[in-house]
Protein backbone atom coordinates (compact mmCIF):
# COMPACT_ATOMS: atom_id res chain seq x y z
CA MET A 1 -87.80 55.38 48.80
CA SER A 2 -86.92 52.46 46.73
CA THR A 3 -88.83 49.16 47.03
CA LEU A 4 -87.05 45.80 46.81
CA ILE A 5 -89.31 43.45 44.70
CA LEU A 6 -88.20 39.67 44.47
CA ASP A 7 -89.60 37.42 42.27
CA GLU A 8 -90.43 33.87 43.64
CA SER A 9 -87.90 32.42 41.21
CA ASP A 10 -85.15 34.78 42.62
CA VAL A 11 -85.93 33.68 45.99
CA ALA A 12 -86.00 30.08 45.05
CA ALA A 13 -82.79 30.43 43.25
CA GLN A 14 -81.04 32.19 46.36
CA VAL A 15 -82.54 29.28 48.63
CA ASP A 16 -81.08 26.69 46.31
CA ASP A 17 -77.69 28.46 46.17
CA PHE A 18 -77.81 28.90 50.00
CA SER A 19 -78.57 25.05 50.28
CA ALA A 20 -75.67 24.28 48.09
CA LEU A 21 -73.35 26.43 49.85
CA GLU A 22 -74.51 24.69 53.14
CA GLN A 23 -73.86 21.24 51.77
CA ARG A 24 -70.48 22.29 50.63
CA ILE A 25 -69.59 23.76 54.21
CA LEU A 26 -71.06 20.56 55.75
CA ARG A 27 -68.84 18.45 53.40
CA ALA A 28 -65.81 20.55 54.15
CA ILE A 29 -66.45 20.11 57.96
CA GLU A 30 -66.61 16.42 57.41
CA VAL A 31 -63.27 16.47 55.58
CA VAL A 32 -61.77 18.55 58.21
CA LYS A 33 -62.83 16.33 60.88
CA THR A 34 -61.67 13.08 59.09
CA GLU A 35 -58.21 14.70 58.42
CA LYS A 36 -57.94 15.88 62.11
CA ALA A 37 -58.76 12.28 63.26
CA ALA A 38 -56.16 10.97 60.73
CA ARG A 39 -53.47 13.49 61.86
CA GLN A 40 -54.06 12.55 65.42
CA GLN A 41 -53.84 8.84 64.56
CA ALA A 42 -50.52 9.44 62.74
CA ASP A 43 -49.19 11.62 65.74
CA GLU A 44 -50.01 8.60 68.03
CA ASN A 45 -48.23 6.11 65.61
CA ALA A 46 -45.29 8.29 65.37
CA ALA A 47 -44.97 8.77 69.10
CA ARG A 48 -45.36 4.96 69.52
CA VAL A 49 -42.64 4.50 66.89
CA GLN A 50 -40.33 7.11 68.53
CA SER A 51 -40.81 5.28 71.93
CA LEU A 52 -39.78 1.89 70.31
CA MET A 53 -36.81 3.56 68.71
CA ASP A 54 -35.76 4.91 71.94
CA ALA A 55 -35.90 1.48 73.61
CA GLN A 56 -34.06 -0.04 70.81
CA ASN A 57 -31.35 2.70 70.85
CA ALA A 58 -30.99 1.91 74.57
CA LEU A 59 -30.54 -1.77 73.94
CA LEU A 60 -28.29 -1.17 71.10
CA THR A 61 -26.19 1.06 73.38
CA GLN A 62 -26.13 -1.82 75.99
CA ALA A 63 -25.07 -4.31 73.40
CA GLN A 64 -22.18 -2.10 72.27
CA ASP A 65 -20.93 -1.75 75.76
CA GLN A 66 -21.18 -5.59 76.38
CA VAL A 67 -19.35 -6.13 73.01
CA ARG A 68 -16.66 -3.70 74.09
CA SER A 69 -16.42 -5.29 77.47
CA LEU A 70 -16.00 -8.81 75.97
CA GLU A 71 -13.51 -7.58 73.39
CA ARG A 72 -11.47 -6.43 76.37
CA ASP A 73 -11.76 -9.75 78.11
CA ARG A 74 -10.80 -11.47 75.17
CA ASP A 75 -7.63 -9.38 74.56
CA GLN A 76 -6.64 -10.03 78.16
CA VAL A 77 -7.11 -13.76 77.76
CA ARG A 78 -5.21 -13.78 74.45
CA GLN A 79 -2.24 -11.91 76.31
CA ARG A 80 -2.35 -14.36 79.09
CA VAL A 81 -2.26 -17.34 76.74
CA GLU A 82 0.49 -15.81 74.62
CA ARG A 83 2.55 -15.30 78.04
CA LEU A 84 1.89 -18.94 78.98
CA LEU A 85 2.95 -20.15 75.50
CA LYS A 86 6.02 -17.93 75.72
CA GLN A 87 6.94 -19.47 79.08
CA LEU A 88 6.23 -22.96 77.70
CA ASP A 89 8.54 -22.29 74.80
CA GLU A 90 11.19 -21.12 77.23
CA ILE A 91 10.99 -24.33 79.19
CA THR A 92 11.23 -26.64 76.31
CA SER A 93 14.00 -24.92 74.79
């Protein structure tokens, strides 16, 4: 059988290496937590912006419909005025 003999310096070096690894893992966990929170915030902001855009699109569509309606009304009024002017011209001729 072989016997495993470790020097105290080897054990201390392994403990230091393990501690360094543990610190790196803890820092990585913190980075992941921070990034996860930032992503969640970004997703919430994106959802809020999308909601605002949807509302603005609805208002835009409504405004476009109103403009079309007003243009139709304007064309009808213009046609009526032209007819009246034509009748006035016929009367004065």
